[in-house]
Amino acid sequence: MQQISQNLQSIYRNYKAIPLVLSAAVVIDYALTFYLAGSIEMILKYEYSPTLVYAVDRGIVIPYLMFTVFFYYAAGYTVLKYLRGSGIYYIGVFIILLMSVTHVLGGLSWYVLNVHYSNTVLALSLTSVVVTIAVFGYEVVRQI
């Protein structure tokens, strides 16, 4: 049990590994979306992400997915690299993991097909934005 705890701590402290979770979640989200939606028309009609709808409509899904995965990894890596050793590193990890869960749940929304479920996924997404803005504001005020 102690070995598991040490492994989790090691992963938690590794600002290079945590963003891989987010990148994997994005791939899972889009894989589930394309598998469960059933057709391109369904994605164009019901997908929440305007950027994905744009990519599908223009036939550039693979480059879009590659860019998105790279961007999420690079952003997560950069944020955690600069936050490591600070008192708010754990919040950065929390936000990245919350975004990861939100992406996977978003992909599963095509299976659940329930407006309340979809709204909950959207609320989780907005929660990560609100927490990020609140922590940024707190740090700005704290530095003054």
Protein backbone atom coordinates (compact mmCIF):
# COMPACT_ATOMS: atom_id res chain seq x y z
CA MET A 1 0.00 0.00 0.00
CA GLN A 2 2.86 2.35 0.78
CA GLN A 3 4.37 1.61 -2.64
CA ILE A 4 1.13 2.68 -4.33
CA SER A 5 1.10 5.89 -2.32
CA GLN A 6 4.71 6.61 -3.27
CA ASN A 7 3.96 5.95 -6.95
CA LEU A 8 0.96 8.30 -6.88
CA GLN A 9 3.05 10.99 -5.16
CA SER A 10 5.73 10.52 -7.80
CA ILE A 11 3.20 10.98 -10.60
CA TYR A 12 1.62 13.95 -8.80
CA ARG A 13 4.96 15.73 -8.59
CA ASN A 14 5.84 14.97 -12.22
CA TYR A 15 4.66 18.02 -14.14
CA LYS A 16 5.54 16.19 -17.37
CA ALA A 17 3.24 13.22 -16.70
CA ILE A 18 0.03 14.91 -15.49
CA PRO A 19 -0.67 16.64 -18.86
CA LEU A 20 -0.48 13.23 -20.55
CA VAL A 21 -3.68 12.36 -18.68
CA LEU A 22 -5.40 15.36 -20.27
CA SER A 23 -4.09 14.49 -23.73
CA ALA A 24 -5.33 10.92 -23.36
CA ALA A 25 -8.71 12.19 -22.16
CA VAL A 26 -9.05 14.35 -25.29
CA VAL A 27 -8.32 11.34 -27.51
CA ILE A 28 -10.85 9.25 -25.56
CA ASP A 29 -13.44 12.06 -25.83
CA TYR A 30 -13.16 12.34 -29.60
CA ALA A 31 -12.94 8.59 -30.12
CA LEU A 32 -16.16 8.14 -28.14
CA THR A 33 -17.77 11.06 -29.95
CA PHE A 34 -17.10 9.62 -33.40
CA TYR A 35 -17.95 6.06 -32.35
CA LEU A 36 -21.14 6.82 -30.39
CA ALA A 37 -22.55 9.72 -32.43
CA GLY A 38 -23.25 7.36 -35.30
CA SER A 39 -22.83 9.87 -38.11
CA ILE A 40 -21.15 13.07 -39.13
CA GLU A 41 -24.57 14.69 -39.39
CA MET A 42 -25.24 13.98 -35.69
CA ILE A 43 -21.93 15.57 -34.72
CA LEU A 44 -22.62 18.63 -36.86
CA LYS A 45 -26.08 18.97 -35.34
CA TYR A 46 -25.49 18.22 -31.62
CA GLU A 47 -21.78 18.67 -30.77
CA TYR A 48 -21.11 21.37 -28.14
CA SER A 49 -17.59 22.17 -29.33
CA PRO A 50 -17.70 24.74 -32.13
CA THR A 51 -14.08 23.99 -33.03
CA LEU A 52 -14.80 20.29 -33.49
CA VAL A 53 -17.88 21.10 -35.57
CA TYR A 54 -15.71 23.38 -37.71
CA ALA A 55 -13.09 20.64 -38.13
CA VAL A 56 -15.71 18.03 -39.04
CA ASP A 57 -17.41 20.37 -41.48
CA ARG A 58 -14.09 21.14 -43.20
CA GLY A 59 -12.77 17.56 -43.12
CA ILE A 60 -9.72 18.42 -41.01
CA VAL A 61 -10.45 16.28 -37.96
CA ILE A 62 -7.07 14.49 -37.80
CA PRO A 63 -4.95 17.69 -37.91
CA TYR A 64 -7.39 19.33 -35.48
CA LEU A 65 -7.13 16.40 -33.07
CA MET A 66 -3.32 16.35 -33.30
CA PHE A 67 -3.13 20.10 -32.66
CA THR A 68 -5.59 19.89 -29.75
CA VAL A 69 -3.73 17.03 -28.07
CA PHE A 70 -0.40 18.84 -28.51
CA PHE A 71 -1.82 22.17 -27.31
CA TYR A 72 -3.40 20.66 -24.17
CA TYR A 73 -0.19 18.84 -23.32
CA ALA A 74 1.96 21.93 -23.90
CA ALA A 75 -0.38 24.18 -21.91
CA GLY A 76 -0.62 21.72 -19.00
CA TYR A 77 3.13 21.16 -19.02
CA THR A 78 3.89 24.88 -19.03
CA VAL A 79 1.43 25.72 -16.27
CA LEU A 80 2.58 22.92 -13.99
CA LYS A 81 6.24 23.64 -14.66
CA TYR A 82 5.78 27.21 -13.47
CA LEU A 83 3.55 26.24 -10.55
CA ARG A 84 5.79 23.46 -9.20
CA GLY A 85 7.09 24.29 -5.77
CA SER A 86 4.36 26.88 -5.27
CA GLY A 87 1.46 26.70 -2.89
CA ILE A 88 -1.02 26.40 -5.74
CA TYR A 89 0.58 23.54 -7.71
CA TYR A 90 -2.15 21.22 -6.44
CA ILE A 91 -4.79 23.51 -7.92
CA GLY A 92 -3.12 23.27 -11.32
CA VAL A 93 -3.15 19.47 -11.03
CA PHE A 94 -6.81 19.59 -9.92
CA ILE A 95 -7.83 21.73 -12.90
CA ILE A 96 -6.00 19.49 -15.37
CA LEU A 97 -7.60 16.36 -13.88
CA LEU A 98 -11.03 18.04 -13.82
CA MET A 99 -10.65 18.93 -17.50
CA SER A 100 -9.63 15.33 -18.17
CA VAL A 101 -12.72 13.94 -16.45
CA THR A 102 -14.88 16.49 -18.25
CA HIS A 103 -13.53 15.40 -21.63
CA VAL A 104 -14.18 11.71 -20.98
CA LEU A 105 -17.67 12.43 -19.64
CA GLY A 106 -18.28 14.63 -22.69
CA GLY A 107 -17.45 11.73 -24.98
CA LEU A 108 -19.79 9.50 -22.98
CA SER A 109 -22.61 12.02 -23.36
CA TRP A 110 -23.23 10.53 -26.80
CA TYR A 111 -24.08 7.26 -25.06
CA VAL A 112 -26.14 8.78 -22.24
CA LEU A 113 -28.08 11.21 -24.48
CA ASN A 114 -29.64 13.12 -21.61
CA VAL A 115 -29.89 16.90 -21.44
CA HIS A 116 -29.25 16.95 -17.66
CA TYR A 117 -26.12 14.85 -18.10
CA SER A 118 -24.87 17.13 -20.89
CA ASN A 119 -25.57 20.21 -18.77
CA THR A 120 -23.63 18.64 -15.89
CA VAL A 121 -20.66 18.05 -18.18
CA LEU A 122 -20.88 21.67 -19.34
CA ALA A 123 -21.06 22.81 -15.69
CA LEU A 124 -17.90 20.82 -14.91
CA SER A 125 -16.17 22.53 -17.80
CA LEU A 126 -17.25 25.94 -16.57
CA THR A 127 -16.12 25.00 -13.05
CA SER A 128 -12.56 24.57 -14.27
CA VAL A 129 -12.72 28.02 -15.88
CA VAL A 130 -14.17 29.64 -12.74
CA VAL A 131 -11.59 28.00 -10.46
CA THR A 132 -8.77 29.09 -12.77
CA ILE A 133 -9.98 32.70 -12.84
CA ALA A 134 -10.57 32.74 -9.07
CA VAL A 135 -7.10 31.39 -8.30
CA PHE A 136 -5.51 33.83 -10.74
CA GLY A 137 -7.39 36.69 -9.08
CA TYR A 138 -6.36 35.47 -5.64
CA GLU A 139 -2.69 35.32 -6.67
CA VAL A 140 -2.85 38.83 -8.18
CA VAL A 141 -4.39 40.24 -4.99
CA ARG A 142 -1.91 38.31 -2.85
CA GLN A 143 1.03 39.78 -4.79
CA ILE A 144 -0.16 43.36 -4.29
